[in-house]
Amino acid sequence: MKTLVQAFQAVPDPMARYKQLLFFATKLQPFPVEEHTEENKVKGCVSQVWVIAELRDDKIYWKADSDSQLTKGLAALLVQGLSGCTPQEIVRMPPDFIAQLGLQQSLTPSRNNGFLNMFKLMQKKALDMYMQQQAGSDSEGMAASASSGGDGAAGAGTAEQQQGSSNGNGNGNNSEASATPVADSIQRKLREELQPLRLEVVDNSHQHAGHGGYRGSATYSGETHFNVEVVSARFEGLTSIKRHRLVYQILDDELRSPVHALSLITKTPAEAGMA
């Protein structure tokens, strides 16, 4: 992307930059018609734009299409600039390069906004791929532990998997209710809303046994105090207070009754050393 920025900065004439975009549009690879789906469509663009990604050797390669030649040029610029990057590199990339390209004078405000929306969708797809990579690594690790046999294998797996085992009654029936419904709900909601690169939810309610809370409820599980650490690209550009407010909004139902206290650590991928 840095090379493309330098190339556009070397062209001082706005009209010349406009023509350069139209040239870029001719360089896009053919786009599969079946990929013209809502999932791949960029929201908030004047024209229709679709973007897809392919992961090869831990790097992402992009394809894009549009019903407008100018928008095709913008998409082609992103395709060329971001292809060959790792998911982490794309997720942590700030959108500063958009202004540095110097295209504002050549484009209407709505097209400038659409360009940013293209980049945001590509970041979202990159984050999804990163999460899939992490899930794959976890699965391989669990498979290795299981194949080693012995008592160590019985304790392997994620917190959710261990909990699932504890819920069983010894005859393979796992239909009983979860023993940790509040922690489960916190993890599910934060994963859905923040797509975190790392999420740790620690129940330290045992340290606050004096807090009876809603003990009289039939659904009482004793979960009242949590330490939560979240690493998410959604925190980019937000102050600590705004990050915490976002988490509180997501967990509004939990904070209204069962949870007495929530200790938060919120970081961006760069702050967590995952960039």
Protein backbone atom coordinates (compact mmCIF):
# COMPACT_ATOMS: atom_id res chain seq x y z
CA MET A 1 0.00 0.00 0.00
CA LYS A 2 2.88 2.36 0.76
CA THR A 3 4.12 2.03 -2.84
CA LEU A 4 0.69 2.89 -4.22
CA VAL A 5 0.40 5.93 -1.96
CA GLN A 6 3.77 7.20 -3.16
CA ALA A 7 2.77 6.62 -6.79
CA PHE A 8 -0.43 8.65 -6.43
CA GLN A 9 1.34 11.40 -4.50
CA ALA A 10 3.75 11.73 -7.42
CA VAL A 11 0.81 12.73 -9.66
CA PRO A 12 -0.12 16.32 -8.68
CA ASP A 13 -3.01 16.77 -11.14
CA PRO A 14 -6.41 15.59 -9.76
CA MET A 15 -7.63 14.73 -13.25
CA ALA A 16 -4.56 12.59 -13.85
CA ARG A 17 -5.27 10.71 -10.61
CA TYR A 18 -8.86 10.21 -11.75
CA LYS A 19 -7.63 8.69 -15.02
CA GLN A 20 -5.20 6.52 -13.07
CA LEU A 21 -8.15 5.06 -11.14
CA LEU A 22 -9.93 4.21 -14.39
CA PHE A 23 -6.77 2.45 -15.55
CA PHE A 24 -6.66 0.45 -12.31
CA ALA A 25 -10.23 -0.69 -13.00
CA THR A 26 -9.04 -2.56 -16.10
CA LYS A 27 -6.59 -4.59 -14.00
CA LEU A 28 -9.16 -6.37 -11.83
CA GLN A 29 -9.33 -10.13 -12.24
CA PRO A 30 -12.66 -11.68 -13.28
CA PHE A 31 -15.08 -11.87 -10.37
CA PRO A 32 -17.27 -14.98 -9.88
CA VAL A 33 -20.90 -14.11 -10.54
CA GLU A 34 -22.04 -16.37 -7.70
CA GLU A 35 -20.09 -14.19 -5.25
CA HIS A 36 -22.38 -11.21 -5.90
CA THR A 37 -23.99 -11.79 -2.50
CA GLU A 38 -25.15 -9.56 0.35
CA GLU A 39 -22.37 -10.93 2.54
CA ASN A 40 -19.73 -9.70 0.06
CA LYS A 41 -21.46 -6.42 -0.77
CA VAL A 42 -20.05 -3.16 0.59
CA LYS A 43 -22.66 -1.19 2.48
CA GLY A 44 -22.87 2.59 2.10
CA CYS A 45 -21.50 2.88 -1.44
CA VAL A 46 -23.05 4.93 -4.24
CA SER A 47 -22.41 2.03 -6.63
CA GLN A 48 -22.66 -1.69 -6.03
CA VAL A 49 -19.36 -3.18 -4.86
CA TRP A 50 -18.46 -6.73 -3.88
CA VAL A 51 -15.28 -8.00 -2.23
CA ILE A 52 -14.06 -11.54 -1.56
CA ALA A 53 -10.90 -12.85 0.06
CA GLU A 54 -8.81 -16.02 -0.25
CA LEU A 55 -6.26 -17.14 2.32
CA ARG A 56 -3.13 -18.74 0.87
CA ASP A 57 0.01 -19.47 2.88
CA ASP A 58 -1.30 -17.30 5.74
CA LYS A 59 -1.71 -14.31 3.43
CA ILE A 60 -4.89 -12.81 2.00
CA TYR A 61 -5.51 -12.27 -1.71
CA TRP A 62 -8.48 -10.19 -2.78
CA LYS A 63 -10.93 -9.93 -5.66
CA ALA A 64 -13.48 -7.17 -6.19
CA ASP A 65 -16.13 -6.04 -8.64
CA SER A 66 -18.46 -3.08 -9.17
CA ASP A 67 -21.05 -1.82 -11.61
CA SER A 68 -19.13 1.48 -11.89
CA GLN A 69 -15.74 1.86 -13.56
CA LEU A 70 -14.61 4.54 -11.12
CA THR A 71 -15.59 2.44 -8.12
CA LYS A 72 -13.89 -0.52 -9.76
CA GLY A 73 -10.74 1.58 -9.82
CA LEU A 74 -11.00 2.33 -6.12
CA ALA A 75 -11.62 -1.35 -5.38
CA ALA A 76 -8.69 -2.35 -7.58
CA LEU A 77 -6.44 0.01 -5.64
CA LEU A 78 -7.35 -1.75 -2.39
CA VAL A 79 -7.07 -5.19 -4.00
CA GLN A 80 -3.55 -4.45 -5.20
CA GLY A 81 -2.48 -2.72 -2.00
CA LEU A 82 -3.80 -5.32 0.44
CA SER A 83 -3.22 -8.57 -1.44
CA GLY A 84 -0.29 -10.49 0.03
CA CYS A 85 -0.76 -9.05 3.52
CA THR A 86 -1.43 -11.21 6.55
CA PRO A 87 -4.80 -10.91 8.30
CA GLN A 88 -3.07 -9.24 11.27
CA GLU A 89 -1.44 -6.61 9.04
CA ILE A 90 -4.77 -5.67 7.49
CA VAL A 91 -6.64 -5.56 10.81
CA ARG A 92 -4.10 -3.22 12.39
CA MET A 93 -3.73 -0.95 9.34
CA PRO A 94 -5.05 2.57 10.03
CA PRO A 95 -7.12 4.21 7.27
CA ASP A 96 -4.68 7.13 7.05
CA PHE A 97 -3.52 6.01 3.61
CA ILE A 98 -6.90 7.01 2.15
CA ALA A 99 -6.21 10.69 2.83
CA GLN A 100 -2.57 10.29 1.80
CA LEU A 101 -3.63 9.07 -1.65
CA GLY A 102 -4.90 12.60 -2.33
CA LEU A 103 -8.08 11.51 -4.06
CA GLN A 104 -10.47 13.78 -2.17
CA GLN A 105 -10.43 16.43 -4.88
CA SER A 106 -11.12 13.83 -7.57
CA LEU A 107 -14.04 12.17 -5.77
CA THR A 108 -17.38 13.25 -4.37
CA PRO A 109 -17.83 13.00 -0.56
CA SER A 110 -20.13 9.99 -1.03
CA ARG A 111 -17.49 8.14 -3.06
CA ASN A 112 -14.81 8.99 -0.51
CA ASN A 113 -17.07 7.52 2.16
CA GLY A 114 -17.71 4.47 0.02
CA PHE A 115 -13.96 3.95 -0.37
CA LEU A 116 -13.61 3.90 3.42
CA ASN A 117 -16.49 1.42 3.68
CA MET A 118 -14.72 -0.89 1.22
CA PHE A 119 -11.65 -0.86 3.42
CA LYS A 120 -13.72 -1.51 6.55
CA LEU A 121 -15.36 -4.56 4.97
CA MET A 122 -11.94 -5.90 3.98
CA GLN A 123 -10.74 -5.40 7.55
CA LYS A 124 -13.78 -7.30 8.82
CA LYS A 125 -13.10 -10.20 6.46
CA ALA A 126 -9.44 -10.19 7.51
CA LEU A 127 -10.47 -10.31 11.16
CA ASP A 128 -12.81 -13.24 10.45
CA MET A 129 -9.94 -15.12 8.81
CA TYR A 130 -7.65 -14.38 11.72
CA MET A 131 -10.24 -15.80 14.11
CA GLN A 132 -10.53 -18.92 11.95
CA GLN A 133 -6.75 -19.31 12.05
CA GLN A 134 -6.79 -19.06 15.83
CA ALA A 135 -9.62 -21.57 16.09
CA GLY A 136 -7.70 -23.95 13.84
CA SER A 137 -4.60 -23.64 15.99
CA ASP A 138 -6.65 -24.36 19.11
CA SER A 139 -8.19 -27.45 17.49
CA GLU A 140 -4.79 -28.79 16.47
CA GLY A 141 -3.50 -28.27 19.99
CA MET A 142 -6.46 -30.10 21.50
CA ALA A 143 -6.11 -32.95 19.01
CA ALA A 144 -2.44 -33.33 19.92
CA SER A 145 -3.32 -33.42 23.62
CA ALA A 146 -6.03 -35.99 23.06
CA SER A 147 -3.76 -38.25 21.00
CA SER A 148 -1.14 -38.26 23.76
CA GLY A 149 -3.57 -40.14 26.06
CA GLY A 150 -3.24 -40.31 29.83
CA ASP A 151 -4.80 -38.12 32.49
CA GLY A 152 -3.46 -34.97 30.82
CA ALA A 153 -5.74 -35.50 27.84
CA ALA A 154 -8.81 -35.55 30.03
CA GLY A 155 -8.11 -32.01 31.21
CA ALA A 156 -7.41 -30.60 27.76
CA GLY A 157 -9.69 -28.25 25.82
CA THR A 158 -11.24 -24.85 26.18
CA ALA A 159 -13.20 -23.68 29.18
CA GLU A 160 -16.43 -24.23 27.27
CA GLN A 161 -15.44 -27.81 26.39
CA GLN A 162 -14.39 -28.63 29.93
CA GLN A 163 -17.66 -27.25 31.19
CA GLY A 164 -19.56 -29.35 28.65
CA SER A 165 -17.87 -32.45 30.03
CA SER A 166 -18.72 -31.52 33.60
CA ASN A 167 -22.36 -31.07 32.63
CA GLY A 168 -22.61 -34.66 31.40
CA ASN A 169 -24.14 -37.29 33.65
CA GLY A 170 -21.82 -40.09 32.63
CA ASN A 171 -24.08 -41.63 30.00
CA GLY A 172 -23.31 -39.19 27.19
CA ASN A 173 -26.32 -36.98 27.87
CA ASN A 174 -25.19 -33.32 27.77
CA SER A 175 -28.63 -31.78 27.63
CA GLU A 176 -28.48 -30.41 31.19
CA ALA A 177 -28.36 -26.65 31.71
CA SER A 178 -24.95 -25.00 31.88
CA ALA A 179 -23.41 -24.59 35.33
CA THR A 180 -21.98 -21.20 34.29
CA PRO A 181 -24.76 -19.46 32.32
CA VAL A 182 -23.57 -15.92 33.08
CA ALA A 183 -19.98 -16.55 31.96
CA ASP A 184 -21.30 -18.31 28.85
CA SER A 185 -23.52 -15.35 28.02
CA ILE A 186 -20.70 -12.84 28.54
CA GLN A 187 -18.36 -14.77 26.24
CA ARG A 188 -21.00 -15.28 23.56
CA LYS A 189 -22.08 -11.62 23.44
CA LEU A 190 -18.55 -10.21 23.44
CA ARG A 191 -17.46 -12.59 20.67
CA GLU A 192 -20.47 -11.71 18.54
CA GLU A 193 -20.20 -7.94 18.99
CA LEU A 194 -16.44 -7.33 19.26
CA GLN A 195 -14.92 -10.25 17.30
CA PRO A 196 -11.98 -10.23 19.73
CA LEU A 197 -8.50 -11.48 18.92
CA ARG A 198 -8.29 -12.49 22.56
CA LEU A 199 -11.02 -12.87 25.16
CA GLU A 200 -10.51 -14.02 28.74
CA VAL A 201 -13.41 -14.20 31.18
CA VAL A 202 -12.41 -15.14 34.72
CA ASP A 203 -15.04 -15.77 37.38
CA ASN A 204 -13.66 -14.70 40.77
CA SER A 205 -17.01 -14.77 42.57
CA HIS A 206 -15.56 -17.13 45.20
CA GLN A 207 -13.52 -14.18 46.49
CA HIS A 208 -16.74 -12.29 47.20
CA ALA A 209 -18.84 -14.97 48.88
CA GLY A 210 -20.51 -12.40 51.11
CA HIS A 211 -22.36 -10.90 48.16
CA GLY A 212 -25.61 -12.85 48.19
CA GLY A 213 -26.97 -11.16 45.09
CA TYR A 214 -29.99 -12.91 43.70
CA ARG A 215 -29.36 -16.11 45.64
CA GLY A 216 -33.08 -16.57 46.12
CA SER A 217 -33.59 -17.05 42.38
CA ALA A 218 -34.10 -20.55 41.07
CA THR A 219 -31.55 -19.79 38.36
CA TYR A 220 -28.85 -18.61 40.76
CA SER A 221 -25.41 -19.85 39.71
CA GLY A 222 -23.23 -17.88 42.11
CA GLU A 223 -21.62 -15.87 39.27
CA THR A 224 -21.37 -12.28 40.50
CA HIS A 225 -17.82 -10.99 39.93
CA PHE A 226 -15.73 -11.23 36.77
CA ASN A 227 -12.37 -10.12 35.41
CA VAL A 228 -12.62 -9.64 31.65
CA GLU A 229 -9.79 -8.94 29.19
CA VAL A 230 -10.70 -8.13 25.59
CA VAL A 231 -8.39 -7.45 22.65
CA SER A 232 -10.37 -6.13 19.70
CA ALA A 233 -9.91 -3.91 16.66
CA ARG A 234 -13.27 -2.36 17.58
CA PHE A 235 -11.44 -0.38 20.28
CA GLU A 236 -9.30 1.51 17.75
CA GLY A 237 -9.73 5.25 18.23
CA LEU A 238 -11.76 4.89 21.44
CA THR A 239 -10.72 6.21 24.83
CA SER A 240 -10.64 3.82 27.78
CA ILE A 241 -13.94 5.22 29.03
CA LYS A 242 -15.64 4.73 25.66
CA ARG A 243 -14.30 1.18 25.41
CA HIS A 244 -15.71 0.32 28.82
CA ARG A 245 -19.00 1.97 27.96
CA LEU A 246 -19.22 -0.15 24.81
CA VAL A 247 -18.69 -3.35 26.81
CA TYR A 248 -21.25 -2.26 29.40
CA GLN A 249 -23.81 -1.67 26.65
CA ILE A 250 -23.19 -5.14 25.23
CA LEU A 251 -23.55 -6.76 28.67
CA ASP A 252 -26.45 -4.61 29.84
CA ASP A 253 -28.68 -7.58 30.74
CA GLU A 254 -25.97 -9.28 32.80
CA LEU A 255 -25.09 -6.09 34.67
CA ARG A 256 -28.71 -5.43 35.58
CA SER A 257 -29.05 -8.44 37.89
CA PRO A 258 -26.51 -11.24 38.35
CA VAL A 259 -23.22 -9.38 37.95
CA HIS A 260 -22.19 -7.16 40.86
CA ALA A 261 -18.77 -6.16 39.54
CA LEU A 262 -16.93 -6.32 36.24
CA SER A 263 -13.20 -5.57 36.11
CA LEU A 264 -12.22 -4.68 32.53
CA ILE A 265 -9.00 -4.64 30.54
CA THR A 266 -9.61 -3.40 26.99
CA LYS A 267 -6.84 -3.25 24.38
CA THR A 268 -6.39 -2.85 20.66
CA PRO A 269 -4.32 -5.50 18.81
CA ALA A 270 -1.36 -3.09 18.70
CA GLU A 271 -1.56 -2.38 22.43
CA ALA A 272 -1.63 -6.11 23.16
CA GLY A 273 1.40 -6.81 20.96
CA MET A 274 -0.73 -8.81 18.52
CA ALA A 275 -0.31 -6.38 15.64
